[in-house]
C-alpha atoms as a PDB file:
ATOM      1  CA  MET A   1      11.419 -17.233  33.547  1.00  0.00           C
ATOM      2  CA  LYS A   2       8.345 -15.629  35.058  1.00  0.00           C
ATOM      3  CA  GLN A   3       4.989 -15.828  33.303  1.00  0.00           C
ATOM      4  CA  ARG A   4       4.911 -12.045  32.806  1.00  0.00           C
ATOM      5  CA  SER A   5       8.330 -12.147  31.118  1.00  0.00           C
ATOM      6  CA  ARG A   6       7.143 -14.955  28.824  1.00  0.00           C
ATOM      7  CA  LYS A   7       4.129 -12.912  27.764  1.00  0.00           C
ATOM      8  CA  ILE A   8       6.279  -9.854  27.051  1.00  0.00           C
ATOM      9  CA  LYS A   9       8.743 -11.957  25.051  1.00  0.00           C
ATOM     10  CA  GLY A  10       5.940 -13.467  22.958  1.00  0.00           C
ATOM     11  CA  ARG A  11       4.295 -10.079  22.441  1.00  0.00           C
ATOM     12  CA  ARG A  12       7.612  -8.652  21.223  1.00  0.00           C
ATOM     13  CA  LEU A  13       7.781 -11.315  18.489  1.00  0.00           C
ATOM     14  CA  SER A  14       4.148 -10.682  17.508  1.00  0.00           C
ATOM     15  CA  LYS A  15       4.828  -6.968  17.128  1.00  0.00           C
ATOM     16  CA  TYR A  16       7.968  -7.670  15.069  1.00  0.00           C
ATOM     17  CA  VAL A  17       6.207 -10.034  12.649  1.00  0.00           C
ATOM     18  CA  ARG A  18       3.171  -7.745  12.307  1.00  0.00           C
ATOM     19  CA  LYS A  19       5.386  -4.732  11.583  1.00  0.00           C
ATOM     20  CA  LYS A  20       7.382  -6.642   8.921  1.00  0.00           C
ATOM     21  CA  ILE A  21       4.225  -7.839   7.156  1.00  0.00           C
ATOM     22  CA  LEU A  22       2.699  -4.354   7.175  1.00  0.00           C
ATOM     23  CA  LYS A  23       5.938  -2.950   5.775  1.00  0.00           C
ATOM     24  CA  ALA A  24       6.053  -5.605   3.021  1.00  0.00           C
ATOM     25  CA  PHE A  25       2.451  -4.844   2.037  1.00  0.00           C
ATOM     26  CA  PRO A  26       2.156  -1.056   2.439  1.00  0.00           C
ATOM     27  CA  HIS A  27      -1.434  -0.954   1.169  1.00  0.00           C
ATOM     28  CA  LEU A  28      -2.554  -2.972   4.239  1.00  0.00           C
ATOM     29  CA  LYS A  29      -3.821  -0.922   7.173  1.00  0.00           C
ATOM     30  CA  ALA A  30      -2.846  -1.558  10.788  1.00  0.00           C
ATOM     31  CA  ARG A  31      -6.361  -2.885  11.442  1.00  0.00           C
ATOM     32  CA  ASP A  32      -5.830  -5.623   8.806  1.00  0.00           C
ATOM     33  CA  ILE A  33      -3.419  -7.500  11.100  1.00  0.00           C
ATOM     34  CA  ILE A  34      -4.267  -7.800  14.779  1.00  0.00           C
ATOM     35  CA  GLU A  35      -2.254  -9.532  17.484  1.00  0.00           C
ATOM     36  CA  ALA A  36      -4.258 -12.169  19.328  1.00  0.00           C
ATOM     37  CA  THR A  37      -4.644 -11.732  23.059  1.00  0.00           C
ATOM     38  CA  GLU A  38      -2.821 -14.080  25.426  1.00  0.00           C
ATOM     39  CA  GLY A  39      -4.588 -17.436  25.707  1.00  0.00           C
ATOM     40  CA  GLN A  40      -6.885 -16.799  22.743  1.00  0.00           C
ATOM     41  CA  ASN A  41      -7.489 -19.902  20.616  1.00  0.00           C
ATOM     42  CA  GLY A  42      -6.468 -19.764  16.981  1.00  0.00           C
ATOM     43  CA  PRO A  43      -3.631 -17.998  15.172  1.00  0.00           C
ATOM     44  CA  ASP A  44      -1.336 -15.533  16.907  1.00  0.00           C
ATOM     45  CA  LEU A  45      -1.944 -12.950  14.172  1.00  0.00           C
ATOM     46  CA  ILE A  46      -5.523 -12.369  13.059  1.00  0.00           C
ATOM     47  CA  LEU A  47      -5.795 -11.215   9.456  1.00  0.00           C
ATOM     48  CA  SER A  48      -8.647  -9.368   7.768  1.00  0.00           C
ATOM     49  CA  LYS A  49     -10.170 -10.785   4.569  1.00  0.00           C
ATOM     50  CA  VAL A  50      -7.958  -8.501   2.484  1.00  0.00           C
ATOM     51  CA  ALA A  51      -4.821  -9.525   4.390  1.00  0.00           C
ATOM     52  CA  LYS A  52      -5.724 -13.229   4.093  1.00  0.00           C
ATOM     53  CA  LYS A  53      -5.840 -12.897   0.316  1.00  0.00           C
ATOM     54  CA  LEU A  54      -2.367 -11.332   0.256  1.00  0.00           C
ATOM     55  CA  VAL A  55      -0.821 -13.416   3.031  1.00  0.00           C
ATOM     56  CA  PRO A  56      -2.700 -16.749   3.169  1.00  0.00           C
ATOM     57  CA  PHE A  57      -0.917 -18.171   6.201  1.00  0.00           C
ATOM     58  CA  ASN A  58      -1.913 -19.237   9.698  1.00  0.00           C
ATOM     59  CA  TRP A  59       0.560 -17.564  12.066  1.00  0.00           C
ATOM     60  CA  GLU A  60       1.748 -19.487  15.134  1.00  0.00           C
ATOM     61  CA  LEU A  61       4.623 -17.603  16.741  1.00  0.00           C
ATOM     62  CA  LYS A  62       7.130 -19.099  19.185  1.00  0.00           C
ATOM     63  CA  ASN A  63       9.897 -17.199  20.976  1.00  0.00           C
ATOM     64  CA  GLN A  64      11.738 -19.857  22.985  1.00  0.00           C
ATOM     65  CA  GLN A  65      15.315 -20.705  23.901  1.00  0.00           C
ATOM     66  CA  ARG A  66      14.679 -24.434  23.338  1.00  0.00           C
ATOM     67  CA  MET A  67      15.158 -23.995  19.598  1.00  0.00           C
ATOM     68  CA  VAL A  68      18.917 -23.498  19.897  1.00  0.00           C
ATOM     69  CA  THR A  69      19.601 -26.578  17.739  1.00  0.00           C
ATOM     70  CA  VAL A  70      17.634 -25.117  14.815  1.00  0.00           C
ATOM     71  CA  TYR A  71      19.707 -21.940  15.053  1.00  0.00           C
ATOM     72  CA  LYS A  72      22.921 -23.987  15.058  1.00  0.00           C
ATOM     73  CA  TRP A  73      21.731 -25.738  11.905  1.00  0.00           C
ATOM     74  CA  PHE A  74      20.910 -22.378  10.350  1.00  0.00           C
ATOM     75  CA  ALA A  75      24.363 -21.036  11.170  1.00  0.00           C
ATOM     76  CA  GLN A  76      25.860 -24.121   9.518  1.00  0.00           C
ATOM     77  CA  ALA A  77      23.697 -23.640   6.399  1.00  0.00           C
ATOM     78  CA  SER A  78      24.644 -19.939   6.288  1.00  0.00           C
ATOM     79  CA  LYS A  79      28.378 -20.516   6.550  1.00  0.00           C
ATOM     80  CA  ASN A  80      30.457 -19.605   3.488  1.00  0.00           C
ATOM     81  CA  THR A  81      27.574 -18.929   1.114  1.00  0.00           C
ATOM     82  CA  LYS A  82      25.740 -16.013  -0.421  1.00  0.00           C
ATOM     83  CA  GLU A  83      22.680 -18.092  -1.290  1.00  0.00           C
ATOM     84  CA  THR A  84      19.616 -18.190   0.937  1.00  0.00           C
ATOM     85  CA  PRO A  85      20.138 -20.854   3.604  1.00  0.00           C
ATOM     86  CA  VAL A  86      17.373 -23.441   3.955  1.00  0.00           C
ATOM     87  CA  ILE A  87      17.016 -26.141   6.577  1.00  0.00           C
ATOM     88  CA  VAL A  88      14.885 -29.193   5.878  1.00  0.00           C
ATOM     89  CA  CYS A  89      14.209 -31.206   9.006  1.00  0.00           C
ATOM     90  CA  LYS A  90      12.017 -34.205   9.713  1.00  0.00           C
ATOM     91  CA  MET A  91      10.852 -36.054  12.760  1.00  0.00           C
ATOM     92  CA  ASN A  92       9.831 -39.726  12.632  1.00  0.00           C
ATOM     93  CA  SER A  93       6.286 -40.165  11.318  1.00  0.00           C
ATOM     94  CA  ARG A  94       5.997 -36.448  10.520  1.00  0.00           C
ATOM     95  CA  GLU A  95       6.221 -34.440   7.318  1.00  0.00           C
ATOM     96  CA  PRO A  96       9.479 -32.631   6.507  1.00  0.00           C
ATOM     97  CA  LEU A  97       9.623 -28.917   7.305  1.00  0.00           C
ATOM     98  CA  ALA A  98      11.595 -26.240   5.464  1.00  0.00           C
ATOM     99  CA  ILE A  99      13.030 -23.412   7.548  1.00  0.00           C
ATOM    100  CA  ILE A 100      14.273 -20.114   6.115  1.00  0.00           C
ATOM    101  CA  SER A 101      14.933 -16.723   7.686  1.00  0.00           C
ATOM    102  CA  PHE A 102      11.880 -14.548   8.237  1.00  0.00           C
ATOM    103  CA  ASP A 103      13.292 -11.815   5.980  1.00  0.00           C
ATOM    104  CA  SER A 104      13.733 -14.357   3.161  1.00  0.00           C
ATOM    105  CA  PHE A 105      10.183 -15.564   3.732  1.00  0.00           C
ATOM    106  CA  VAL A 106       8.786 -12.022   3.517  1.00  0.00           C
ATOM    107  CA  ASP A 107      10.749 -11.460   0.297  1.00  0.00           C
ATOM    108  CA  LEU A 108       9.191 -14.626  -1.168  1.00  0.00           C
ATOM    109  CA  ILE A 109       5.590 -13.680  -0.371  1.00  0.00           C
ATOM    110  CA  LYS A 110       5.795 -10.030  -1.511  1.00  0.00           C
END
């Protein structure tokens, strides 16, 4: 994949996440959540002070094909259930991580 295509793919995810957060918190203005420029150090979404109080998270966004295994696990957790699927995964010498769908996450933080 060309570098330009990678940037576009990453930008698409940034726009998606920003739009969902703004929709979940309608009193936030567009200027409260800014997409970081390519190569900028720090979080991928820059939040204003007001936004940080409502959504106190550091946003690192990844849009990569290499995560296919996580999506297979999620499909397995989603199979034959109406409950919210959750994946808990752990790597040696690392803390466990919980993975849920982004829509479920937004519902939790509203």
